[in-house]
Amino acid sequence: MAAAHLHRVLKEVFGLESFRPAQEDVVRAALTKRSTLAIELSKNYDARKDRGREKLDNMIAYAQSARCRWRLILRQFGETIGGEACRDRDNCRNAGSREPLAAAS
């Protein structure tokens, strides 16, 4: 496939002016149905990035939550417990002593 054709498709379809370094070689290999390590690595990286983002979001939710931390940890591992709050962790012990937040003006 001619370089001019690849650049025209890049511009028309994706609105991009040029390839990133080594990207043209990867695209050319993919279009000629040759397996490329870069494509496989890219797929693996994207999946790993998504898993990492999900873990980070869960940690942020844990840190910012006012719920029972023990329940949150159990939920992360697919477990549950019945009953009310555990009354043993910081959020459970302090649940009744919290001041309500003032309304935003």
PDB file of N, CA and C in Angstrom:
ATOM      1  N   MET A   1       0.846  -1.164   0.000  1.00  0.00           N
ATOM      2  CA  MET A   1       0.000   0.000   0.000  1.00  0.00           C
ATOM      3  C   MET A   1       0.899   1.236   0.000  1.00  0.00           C
ATOM      4  N   ALA A   2       0.603   2.168  -0.871  1.00  0.00           N
ATOM      5  CA  ALA A   2       1.439   3.353  -1.036  1.00  0.00           C
ATOM      6  C   ALA A   2       1.327   4.277   0.169  1.00  0.00           C
ATOM      7  N   ALA A   3       2.425   4.910   0.499  1.00  0.00           N
ATOM      8  CA  ALA A   3       2.473   5.828   1.642  1.00  0.00           C
ATOM      9  C   ALA A   3       1.475   6.971   1.460  1.00  0.00           C
ATOM     10  N   ALA A   4       1.339   7.474   0.225  1.00  0.00           N
ATOM     11  CA  ALA A   4       0.409   8.578  -0.032  1.00  0.00           C
ATOM     12  C   ALA A   4      -1.025   8.162   0.297  1.00  0.00           C
ATOM     13  N   HIS A   5      -1.371   6.929  -0.059  1.00  0.00           N
ATOM     14  CA  HIS A   5      -2.723   6.428   0.220  1.00  0.00           C
ATOM     15  C   HIS A   5      -2.952   6.324   1.732  1.00  0.00           C
ATOM     16  N   LEU A   6      -1.965   5.797   2.440  1.00  0.00           N
ATOM     17  CA  LEU A   6      -2.090   5.689   3.904  1.00  0.00           C
ATOM     18  C   LEU A   6      -2.285   7.050   4.546  1.00  0.00           C
ATOM     19  N   HIS A   7      -1.527   8.035   4.110  1.00  0.00           N
ATOM     20  CA  HIS A   7      -1.636   9.382   4.674  1.00  0.00           C
ATOM     21  C   HIS A   7      -2.987  10.019   4.336  1.00  0.00           C
ATOM     22  N   ARG A   8      -3.498   9.760   3.136  1.00  0.00           N
ATOM     23  CA  ARG A   8      -4.804  10.294   2.743  1.00  0.00           C
ATOM     24  C   ARG A   8      -5.901   9.685   3.617  1.00  0.00           C
ATOM     25  N   VAL A   9      -5.859   8.371   3.832  1.00  0.00           N
ATOM     26  CA  VAL A   9      -6.838   7.700   4.694  1.00  0.00           C
ATOM     27  C   VAL A   9      -6.730   8.219   6.128  1.00  0.00           C
ATOM     28  N   LEU A  10      -5.523   8.384   6.602  1.00  0.00           N
ATOM     29  CA  LEU A  10      -5.304   8.912   7.953  1.00  0.00           C
ATOM     30  C   LEU A  10      -5.971  10.269   8.106  1.00  0.00           C
ATOM     31  N   LYS A  11      -5.829  11.122   7.111  1.00  0.00           N
ATOM     32  CA  LYS A  11      -6.397  12.469   7.145  1.00  0.00           C
ATOM     33  C   LYS A  11      -7.913  12.431   7.009  1.00  0.00           C
ATOM     34  N   GLU A  12      -8.430  11.672   6.022  1.00  0.00           N
ATOM     35  CA  GLU A  12      -9.869  11.665   5.742  1.00  0.00           C
ATOM     36  C   GLU A  12     -10.671  10.953   6.823  1.00  0.00           C
ATOM     37  N   VAL A  13     -10.198   9.817   7.272  1.00  0.00           N
ATOM     38  CA  VAL A  13     -10.958   9.004   8.216  1.00  0.00           C
ATOM     39  C   VAL A  13     -10.774   9.473   9.651  1.00  0.00           C
ATOM     40  N   PHE A  14      -9.532   9.764  10.021  1.00  0.00           N
ATOM     41  CA  PHE A  14      -9.236  10.075  11.423  1.00  0.00           C
ATOM     42  C   PHE A  14      -8.950  11.554  11.685  1.00  0.00           C
ATOM     43  N   GLY A  15      -8.812  12.339  10.637  1.00  0.00           N
ATOM     44  CA  GLY A  15      -8.566  13.759  10.810  1.00  0.00           C
ATOM     45  C   GLY A  15      -7.169  14.083  11.322  1.00  0.00           C
ATOM     46  N   LEU A  16      -6.229  13.166  11.126  1.00  0.00           N
ATOM     47  CA  LEU A  16      -4.867  13.363  11.617  1.00  0.00           C
ATOM     48  C   LEU A  16      -3.940  13.728  10.462  1.00  0.00           C
ATOM     49  N   GLU A  17      -2.949  14.543  10.757  1.00  0.00           N
ATOM     50  CA  GLU A  17      -2.007  14.998   9.738  1.00  0.00           C
ATOM     51  C   GLU A  17      -0.879  14.004   9.491  1.00  0.00           C
ATOM     52  N   SER A  18      -0.437  13.320  10.547  1.00  0.00           N
ATOM     53  CA  SER A  18       0.699  12.419  10.367  1.00  0.00           C
ATOM     54  C   SER A  18       0.647  11.283  11.383  1.00  0.00           C
ATOM     55  N   PHE A  19       1.408  10.251  11.088  1.00  0.00           N
ATOM     56  CA  PHE A  19       1.524   9.116  11.998  1.00  0.00           C
ATOM     57  C   PHE A  19       2.478   9.462  13.138  1.00  0.00           C
ATOM     58  N   ARG A  20       2.297   8.801  14.273  1.00  0.00           N
ATOM     59  CA  ARG A  20       3.279   8.883  15.344  1.00  0.00           C
ATOM     60  C   ARG A  20       4.476   8.025  14.936  1.00  0.00           C
ATOM     61  N   PRO A  21       5.615   8.177  15.615  1.00  0.00           N
ATOM     62  CA  PRO A  21       6.793   7.378  15.254  1.00  0.00           C
ATOM     63  C   PRO A  21       6.481   5.878  15.237  1.00  0.00           C
ATOM     64  N   ALA A  22       6.867   5.210  14.190  1.00  0.00           N
ATOM     65  CA  ALA A  22       6.714   3.759  13.969  1.00  0.00           C
ATOM     66  C   ALA A  22       5.266   3.327  13.750  1.00  0.00           C
ATOM     67  N   GLN A  23       4.324   4.229  13.851  1.00  0.00           N
ATOM     68  CA  GLN A  23       2.917   3.869  13.681  1.00  0.00           C
ATOM     69  C   GLN A  23       2.603   3.466  12.243  1.00  0.00           C
ATOM     70  N   GLU A  24       3.208   4.118  11.280  1.00  0.00           N
ATOM     71  CA  GLU A  24       2.936   3.786   9.886  1.00  0.00           C
ATOM     72  C   GLU A  24       3.315   2.341   9.582  1.00  0.00           C
ATOM     73  N   ASP A  25       4.438   1.879  10.120  1.00  0.00           N
ATOM     74  CA  ASP A  25       4.859   0.490   9.900  1.00  0.00           C
ATOM     75  C   ASP A  25       3.852  -0.498  10.491  1.00  0.00           C
ATOM     76  N   VAL A  26       3.344  -0.177  11.657  1.00  0.00           N
ATOM     77  CA  VAL A  26       2.368  -1.046  12.316  1.00  0.00           C
ATOM     78  C   VAL A  26       1.070  -1.086  11.507  1.00  0.00           C
ATOM     79  N   VAL A  27       0.611   0.070  11.052  1.00  0.00           N
ATOM     80  CA  VAL A  27      -0.628   0.128  10.260  1.00  0.00           C
ATOM     81  C   VAL A  27      -0.446  -0.626   8.953  1.00  0.00           C
ATOM     82  N   ARG A  28       0.674  -0.421   8.316  1.00  0.00           N
ATOM     83  CA  ARG A  28       0.937  -1.116   7.051  1.00  0.00           C
ATOM     84  C   ARG A  28       0.940  -2.635   7.266  1.00  0.00           C
ATOM     85  N   ALA A  29       1.565  -3.095   8.327  1.00  0.00           N
ATOM     86  CA  ALA A  29       1.600  -4.533   8.631  1.00  0.00           C
ATOM     87  C   ALA A  29       0.201  -5.059   8.914  1.00  0.00           C
ATOM     88  N   ALA A  30      -0.580  -4.294   9.646  1.00  0.00           N
ATOM     89  CA  ALA A  30      -1.942  -4.724   9.974  1.00  0.00           C
ATOM     90  C   ALA A  30      -2.809  -4.812   8.716  1.00  0.00           C
ATOM     91  N   LEU A  31      -2.672  -3.848   7.832  1.00  0.00           N
ATOM     92  CA  LEU A  31      -3.473  -3.846   6.606  1.00  0.00           C
ATOM     93  C   LEU A  31      -3.083  -4.973   5.652  1.00  0.00           C
ATOM     94  N   THR A  32      -1.865  -5.430   5.743  1.00  0.00           N
ATOM     95  CA  THR A  32      -1.446  -6.557   4.911  1.00  0.00           C
ATOM     96  C   THR A  32      -1.606  -7.886   5.650  1.00  0.00           C
ATOM     97  N   LYS A  33      -2.322  -7.814   6.781  1.00  0.00           N
ATOM     98  CA  LYS A  33      -2.676  -8.987   7.586  1.00  0.00           C
ATOM     99  C   LYS A  33      -1.467  -9.717   8.166  1.00  0.00           C
ATOM    100  N   ARG A  34      -0.391  -9.002   8.386  1.00  0.00           N
ATOM    101  CA  ARG A  34       0.758  -9.572   9.083  1.00  0.00           C
ATOM    102  C   ARG A  34       0.569  -9.291  10.566  1.00  0.00           C
ATOM    103  N   SER A  35       0.793 -10.283  11.364  1.00  0.00           N
ATOM    104  CA  SER A  35       0.702 -10.099  12.807  1.00  0.00           C
ATOM    105  C   SER A  35       1.867  -9.226  13.262  1.00  0.00           C
ATOM    106  N   THR A  36       1.576  -8.335  14.155  1.00  0.00           N
ATOM    107  CA  THR A  36       2.642  -7.472  14.661  1.00  0.00           C
ATOM    108  C   THR A  36       2.644  -7.503  16.176  1.00  0.00           C
ATOM    109  N   LEU A  37       3.807  -7.484  16.722  1.00  0.00           N
ATOM    110  CA  LEU A  37       3.956  -7.448  18.162  1.00  0.00           C
ATOM    111  C   LEU A  37       3.376  -6.159  18.735  1.00  0.00           C
ATOM    112  N   ALA A  38       3.536  -5.057  18.024  1.00  0.00           N
ATOM    113  CA  ALA A  38       3.058  -3.769  18.517  1.00  0.00           C
ATOM    114  C   ALA A  38       1.543  -3.777  18.717  1.00  0.00           C
ATOM    115  N   ILE A  39       0.830  -4.420  17.800  1.00  0.00           N
ATOM    116  CA  ILE A  39      -0.628  -4.470  17.921  1.00  0.00           C
ATOM    117  C   ILE A  39      -1.017  -5.290  19.153  1.00  0.00           C
ATOM    118  N   GLU A  40      -0.387  -6.421  19.344  1.00  0.00           N
ATOM    119  CA  GLU A  40      -0.681  -7.255  20.507  1.00  0.00           C
ATOM    120  C   GLU A  40      -0.331  -6.534  21.800  1.00  0.00           C
ATOM    121  N   LEU A  41       0.828  -5.882  21.814  1.00  0.00           N
ATOM    122  CA  LEU A  41       1.220  -5.142  23.008  1.00  0.00           C
ATOM    123  C   LEU A  41       0.236  -4.011  23.307  1.00  0.00           C
ATOM    124  N   SER A  42      -0.252  -3.366  22.264  1.00  0.00           N
ATOM    125  CA  SER A  42      -1.216  -2.285  22.434  1.00  0.00           C
ATOM    126  C   SER A  42      -2.509  -2.799  23.066  1.00  0.00           C
ATOM    127  N   LYS A  43      -2.984  -3.941  22.596  1.00  0.00           N
ATOM    128  CA  LYS A  43      -4.200  -4.538  23.174  1.00  0.00           C
ATOM    129  C   LYS A  43      -3.979  -4.886  24.640  1.00  0.00           C
ATOM    130  N   ASN A  44      -2.830  -5.497  24.935  1.00  0.00           N
ATOM    131  CA  ASN A  44      -2.523  -5.860  26.321  1.00  0.00           C
ATOM    132  C   ASN A  44      -2.399  -4.626  27.202  1.00  0.00           C
ATOM    133  N   TYR A  45      -1.770  -3.583  26.687  1.00  0.00           N
ATOM    134  CA  TYR A  45      -1.604  -2.350  27.448  1.00  0.00           C
ATOM    135  C   TYR A  45      -2.957  -1.731  27.760  1.00  0.00           C
ATOM    136  N   ASP A  46      -3.845  -1.673  26.762  1.00  0.00           N
ATOM    137  CA  ASP A  46      -5.168  -1.088  26.982  1.00  0.00           C
ATOM    138  C   ASP A  46      -5.940  -1.853  28.053  1.00  0.00           C
ATOM    139  N   ALA A  47      -5.905  -3.172  28.001  1.00  0.00           N
ATOM    140  CA  ALA A  47      -6.608  -3.986  29.000  1.00  0.00           C
ATOM    141  C   ALA A  47      -6.006  -3.767  30.384  1.00  0.00           C
ATOM    142  N   ARG A  48      -4.690  -3.713  30.447  1.00  0.00           N
ATOM    143  CA  ARG A  48      -4.008  -3.495  31.735  1.00  0.00           C
ATOM    144  C   ARG A  48      -4.321  -2.101  32.284  1.00  0.00           C
ATOM    145  N   LYS A  49      -4.356  -1.123  31.410  1.00  0.00           N
ATOM    146  CA  LYS A  49      -4.685   0.248  31.811  1.00  0.00           C
ATOM    147  C   LYS A  49      -6.108   0.311  32.371  1.00  0.00           C
ATOM    148  N   ASP A  50      -7.044  -0.365  31.714  1.00  0.00           N
ATOM    149  CA  ASP A  50      -8.429  -0.380  32.194  1.00  0.00           C
ATOM    150  C   ASP A  50      -8.535  -1.040  33.563  1.00  0.00           C
ATOM    151  N   ARG A  51      -7.823  -2.157  33.763  1.00  0.00           N
ATOM    152  CA  ARG A  51      -7.845  -2.825  35.070  1.00  0.00           C
ATOM    153  C   ARG A  51      -7.224  -1.934  36.143  1.00  0.00           C
ATOM    154  N   GLY A  52      -6.144  -1.266  35.807  1.00  0.00           N
ATOM    155  CA  GLY A  52      -5.497  -0.360  36.754  1.00  0.00           C
ATOM    156  C   GLY A  52      -6.396   0.797  37.124  1.00  0.00           C
ATOM    157  N   ARG A  53      -7.110   1.335  36.148  1.00  0.00           N
ATOM    158  CA  ARG A  53      -8.033   2.451  36.401  1.00  0.00           C
ATOM    159  C   ARG A  53      -9.172   2.001  37.309  1.00  0.00           C
ATOM    160  N   GLU A  54      -9.676   0.805  37.077  1.00  0.00           N
ATOM    161  CA  GLU A  54     -10.752   0.278  37.918  1.00  0.00           C
ATOM    162  C   GLU A  54     -10.268   0.109  39.361  1.00  0.00           C
ATOM    163  N   LYS A  55      -9.052  -0.394  39.538  1.00  0.00           N
ATOM    164  CA  LYS A  55      -8.497  -0.548  40.881  1.00  0.00           C
ATOM    165  C   LYS A  55      -8.338   0.807  41.559  1.00  0.00           C
ATOM    166  N   LEU A  56      -7.838   1.790  40.812  1.00  0.00           N
ATOM    167  CA  LEU A  56      -7.666   3.128  41.369  1.00  0.00           C
ATOM    168  C   LEU A  56      -9.008   3.727  41.765  1.00  0.00           C
ATOM    169  N   ASP A  57     -10.018   3.578  40.923  1.00  0.00           N
ATOM    170  CA  ASP A  57     -11.356   4.083  41.249  1.00  0.00           C
ATOM    171  C   ASP A  57     -11.897   3.429  42.514  1.00  0.00           C
ATOM    172  N   ASN A  58     -11.651   2.126  42.668  1.00  0.00           N
ATOM    173  CA  ASN A  58     -12.104   1.426  43.878  1.00  0.00           C
ATOM    174  C   ASN A  58     -11.383   1.938  45.117  1.00  0.00           C
ATOM    175  N   MET A  59     -10.080   2.212  45.003  1.00  0.00           N
ATOM    176  CA  MET A  59      -9.331   2.744  46.153  1.00  0.00           C
ATOM    177  C   MET A  59      -9.818   4.132  46.536  1.00  0.00           C
ATOM    178  N   ILE A  60     -10.112   4.962  45.547  1.00  0.00           N
ATOM    179  CA  ILE A  60     -10.617   6.306  45.815  1.00  0.00           C
ATOM    180  C   ILE A  60     -11.981   6.217  46.492  1.00  0.00           C
ATOM    181  N   ALA A  61     -12.846   5.349  46.003  1.00  0.00           N
ATOM    182  CA  ALA A  61     -14.171   5.172  46.612  1.00  0.00           C
ATOM    183  C   ALA A  61     -14.039   4.703  48.051  1.00  0.00           C
ATOM    184  N   TYR A  62     -13.105   3.804  48.307  1.00  0.00           N
ATOM    185  CA  TYR A  62     -12.866   3.307  49.660  1.00  0.00           C
ATOM    186  C   TYR A  62     -12.426   4.437  50.580  1.00  0.00           C
ATOM    187  N   ALA A  63     -11.479   5.241  50.117  1.00  0.00           N
ATOM    188  CA  ALA A  63     -10.936   6.320  50.942  1.00  0.00           C
ATOM    189  C   ALA A  63     -11.968   7.409  51.217  1.00  0.00           C
ATOM    190  N   GLN A  64     -12.851   7.663  50.277  1.00  0.00           N
ATOM    191  CA  GLN A  64     -13.803   8.761  50.418  1.00  0.00           C
ATOM    192  C   GLN A  64     -15.146   8.334  50.994  1.00  0.00           C
ATOM    193  N   SER A  65     -15.362   7.060  51.144  1.00  0.00           N
ATOM    194  CA  SER A  65     -16.664   6.560  51.580  1.00  0.00           C
ATOM    195  C   SER A  65     -16.901   6.802  53.066  1.00  0.00           C
ATOM    196  N   ALA A  66     -18.147   7.033  53.399  1.00  0.00           N
ATOM    197  CA  ALA A  66     -18.553   7.129  54.797  1.00  0.00           C
ATOM    198  C   ALA A  66     -19.182   5.810  55.243  1.00  0.00           C
ATOM    199  N   ARG A  67     -19.199   4.825  54.373  1.00  0.00           N
ATOM    200  CA  ARG A  67     -19.778   3.518  54.697  1.00  0.00           C
ATOM    201  C   ARG A  67     -18.792   2.659  55.490  1.00  0.00           C
ATOM    202  N   CYS A  68     -19.285   1.563  55.985  1.00  0.00           N
ATOM    203  CA  CYS A  68     -18.474   0.603  56.726  1.00  0.00           C
ATOM    204  C   CYS A  68     -17.334   0.111  55.831  1.00  0.00           C
ATOM    205  N   ARG A  69     -16.102   0.341  56.248  1.00  0.00           N
ATOM    206  CA  ARG A  69     -14.950  -0.031  55.425  1.00  0.00           C
ATOM    207  C   ARG A  69     -14.835  -1.552  55.302  1.00  0.00           C
ATOM    208  N   TRP A  70     -15.223  -2.275  56.335  1.00  0.00           N
ATOM    209  CA  TRP A  70     -15.163  -3.727  56.277  1.00  0.00           C
ATOM    210  C   TRP A  70     -16.082  -4.250  55.179  1.00  0.00           C
ATOM    211  N   ARG A  71     -17.261  -3.686  55.067  1.00  0.00           N
ATOM    212  CA  ARG A  71     -18.197  -4.095  54.014  1.00  0.00           C
ATOM    213  C   ARG A  71     -17.626  -3.794  52.628  1.00  0.00           C
ATOM    214  N   LEU A  72     -16.974  -2.648  52.493  1.00  0.00           N
ATOM    215  CA  LEU A  72     -16.383  -2.291  51.200  1.00  0.00           C
ATOM    216  C   LEU A  72     -15.291  -3.276  50.798  1.00  0.00           C
ATOM    217  N   ILE A  73     -14.461  -3.670  51.756  1.00  0.00           N
ATOM    218  CA  ILE A  73     -13.403  -4.643  51.460  1.00  0.00           C
ATOM    219  C   ILE A  73     -14.009  -5.987  51.080  1.00  0.00           C
ATOM    220  N   LEU A  74     -14.997  -6.416  51.833  1.00  0.00           N
ATOM    221  CA  LEU A  74     -15.649  -7.692  51.517  1.00  0.00           C
ATOM    222  C   LEU A  74     -16.285  -7.653  50.128  1.00  0.00           C
ATOM    223  N   ARG A  75     -16.928  -6.524  49.811  1.00  0.00           N
ATOM    224  CA  ARG A  75     -17.571  -6.398  48.504  1.00  0.00           C
ATOM    225  C   ARG A  75     -16.539  -6.500  47.377  1.00  0.00           C
ATOM    226  N   GLN A  76     -15.351  -5.954  47.596  1.00  0.00           N
ATOM    227  CA  GLN A  76     -14.294  -6.023  46.588  1.00  0.00           C
ATOM    228  C   GLN A  76     -13.940  -7.472  46.258  1.00  0.00           C
ATOM    229  N   PHE A  77     -14.075  -8.360  47.255  1.00  0.00           N
ATOM    230  CA  PHE A  77     -13.752  -9.773  47.062  1.00  0.00           C
ATOM    231  C   PHE A  77     -14.994 -10.627  46.837  1.00  0.00           C
ATOM    232  N   GLY A  78     -16.131  -9.963  46.572  1.00  0.00           N
ATOM    233  CA  GLY A  78     -17.342 -10.693  46.260  1.00  0.00           C
ATOM    234  C   GLY A  78     -18.031 -11.303  47.468  1.00  0.00           C
ATOM    235  N   GLU A  79     -17.735 -10.821  48.663  1.00  0.00           N
ATOM    236  CA  GLU A  79     -18.324 -11.341  49.895  1.00  0.00           C
ATOM    237  C   GLU A  79     -19.284 -10.310  50.480  1.00  0.00           C
ATOM    238  N   THR A  80     -20.194 -10.770  51.339  1.00  0.00           N
ATOM    239  CA  THR A  80     -21.097  -9.868  52.053  1.00  0.00           C
ATOM    240  C   THR A  80     -21.285 -10.362  53.479  1.00  0.00           C
ATOM    241  N   ILE A  81     -21.741  -9.459  54.343  1.00  0.00           N
ATOM    242  CA  ILE A  81     -22.134  -9.841  55.701  1.00  0.00           C
ATOM    243  C   ILE A  81     -23.499  -9.243  55.969  1.00  0.00           C
ATOM    244  N   GLY A  82     -24.264  -9.895  56.801  1.00  0.00           N
ATOM    245  CA  GLY A  82     -25.589  -9.396  57.130  1.00  0.00           C
ATOM    246  C   GLY A  82     -25.538  -8.449  58.319  1.00  0.00           C
ATOM    247  N   GLY A  83     -26.685  -7.878  58.634  1.00  0.00           N
ATOM    248  CA  GLY A  83     -26.772  -7.033  59.813  1.00  0.00           C
ATOM    249  C   GLY A  83     -26.403  -5.595  59.538  1.00  0.00           C
ATOM    250  N   GLU A  84     -26.338  -4.857  60.637  1.00  0.00           N
ATOM    251  CA  GLU A  84     -26.023  -3.438  60.567  1.00  0.00           C
ATOM    252  C   GLU A  84     -24.518  -3.228  60.429  1.00  0.00           C
ATOM    253  N   ALA A  85     -24.094  -2.002  60.621  1.00  0.00           N
ATOM    254  CA  ALA A  85     -22.676  -1.658  60.549  1.00  0.00           C
ATOM    255  C   ALA A  85     -21.897  -2.439  61.601  1.00  0.00           C
ATOM    256  N   CYS A  86     -20.623  -2.640  61.358  1.00  0.00           N
ATOM    257  CA  CYS A  86     -19.810  -3.466  62.253  1.00  0.00           C
ATOM    258  C   CYS A  86     -19.512  -2.775  63.585  1.00  0.00           C
ATOM    259  N   ARG A  87     -19.601  -1.459  63.624  1.00  0.00           N
ATOM    260  CA  ARG A  87     -19.337  -0.651  64.820  1.00  0.00           C
ATOM    261  C   ARG A  87     -17.900  -0.790  65.325  1.00  0.00           C
ATOM    262  N   ASP A  88     -17.027  -1.287  64.473  1.00  0.00           N
ATOM    263  CA  ASP A  88     -15.649  -1.525  64.891  1.00  0.00           C
ATOM    264  C   ASP A  88     -14.658  -0.651  64.131  1.00  0.00           C
ATOM    265  N   ARG A  89     -14.971  -0.224  62.925  1.00  0.00           N
ATOM    266  CA  ARG A  89     -14.060   0.600  62.131  1.00  0.00           C
ATOM    267  C   ARG A  89     -14.403   2.076  62.274  1.00  0.00           C
ATOM    268  N   ASP A  90     -13.547   2.945  61.808  1.00  0.00           N
ATOM    269  CA  ASP A  90     -13.691   4.385  62.001  1.00  0.00           C
ATOM    270  C   ASP A  90     -15.042   4.925  61.542  1.00  0.00           C
ATOM    271  N   ASN A  91     -15.480   4.580  60.352  1.00  0.00           N
ATOM    272  CA  ASN A  91     -16.746   5.109  59.854  1.00  0.00           C
ATOM    273  C   ASN A  91     -17.937   4.604  60.662  1.00  0.00           C
ATOM    274  N   CYS A  92     -17.874   3.379  61.138  1.00  0.00           N
ATOM    275  CA  CYS A  92     -18.979   2.818  61.913  1.00  0.00           C
ATOM    276  C   CYS A  92     -19.017   3.426  63.325  1.00  0.00           C
ATOM    277  N   ARG A  93     -17.858   3.596  63.934  1.00  0.00           N
ATOM    278  CA  ARG A  93     -17.807   4.179  65.281  1.00  0.00           C
ATOM    279  C   ARG A  93     -18.261   5.629  65.278  1.00  0.00           C
ATOM    280  N   ASN A  94     -17.944   6.348  64.223  1.00  0.00           N
ATOM    281  CA  ASN A  94     -18.233   7.776  64.170  1.00  0.00           C
ATOM    282  C   ASN A  94     -19.543   8.111  63.473  1.00  0.00           C
ATOM    283  N   ALA A  95     -20.287   7.122  63.060  1.00  0.00           N
ATOM    284  CA  ALA A  95     -21.497   7.367  62.267  1.00  0.00           C
ATOM    285  C   ALA A  95     -22.496   8.253  62.995  1.00  0.00           C
ATOM    286  N   GLY A  96     -22.693   8.056  64.273  1.00  0.00           N
ATOM    287  CA  GLY A  96     -23.681   8.843  65.010  1.00  0.00           C
ATOM    288  C   GLY A  96     -23.174  10.200  65.438  1.00  0.00           C
ATOM    289  N   SER A  97     -21.875  10.426  65.404  1.00  0.00           N
ATOM    290  CA  SER A  97     -21.329  11.683  65.912  1.00  0.00           C
ATOM    291  C   SER A  97     -20.999  12.681  64.821  1.00  0.00           C
ATOM    292  N   ARG A  98     -21.340  12.391  63.580  1.00  0.00           N
ATOM    293  CA  ARG A  98     -21.006  13.307  62.503  1.00  0.00           C
ATOM    294  C   ARG A  98     -21.963  14.484  62.459  1.00  0.00           C
ATOM    295  N   GLU A  99     -21.396  15.645  62.173  1.00  0.00           N
ATOM    296  CA  GLU A  99     -22.187  16.848  61.961  1.00  0.00           C
ATOM    297  C   GLU A  99     -22.695  16.823  60.518  1.00  0.00           C
ATOM    298  N   PRO A 100     -23.960  17.180  60.287  1.00  0.00           N
ATOM    299  CA  PRO A 100     -24.425  17.229  58.897  1.00  0.00           C
ATOM    300  C   PRO A 100     -23.711  18.353  58.149  1.00  0.00           C
ATOM    301  N   LEU A 101     -23.465  18.141  56.881  1.00  0.00           N
ATOM    302  CA  LEU A 101     -22.810  19.148  56.060  1.00  0.00           C
ATOM    303  C   LEU A 101     -23.759  20.301  55.787  1.00  0.00           C
ATOM    304  N   ALA A 102     -23.209  21.499  55.777  1.00  0.00           N
ATOM    305  CA  ALA A 102     -24.020  22.679  55.462  1.00  0.00           C
ATOM    306  C   ALA A 102     -24.395  22.652  53.997  1.00  0.00           C
ATOM    307  N   ALA A 103     -25.556  23.156  53.679  1.00  0.00           N
ATOM    308  CA  ALA A 103     -26.011  23.191  52.292  1.00  0.00           C
ATOM    309  C   ALA A 103     -25.160  24.174  51.507  1.00  0.00           C
ATOM    310  N   ALA A 104     -24.868  23.819  50.270  1.00  0.00           N
ATOM    311  CA  ALA A 104     -24.087  24.708  49.404  1.00  0.00           C
ATOM    312  C   ALA A 104     -24.931  25.916  49.030  1.00  0.00           C
ATOM    313  N   SER A 105     -24.292  27.066  48.994  1.00  0.00           N
ATOM    314  CA  SER A 105     -25.052  28.271  48.644  1.00  0.00           C
ATOM    315  C   SER A 105     -24.830  28.673  47.225  1.00  0.00           C
TER     316      SER A 105
END
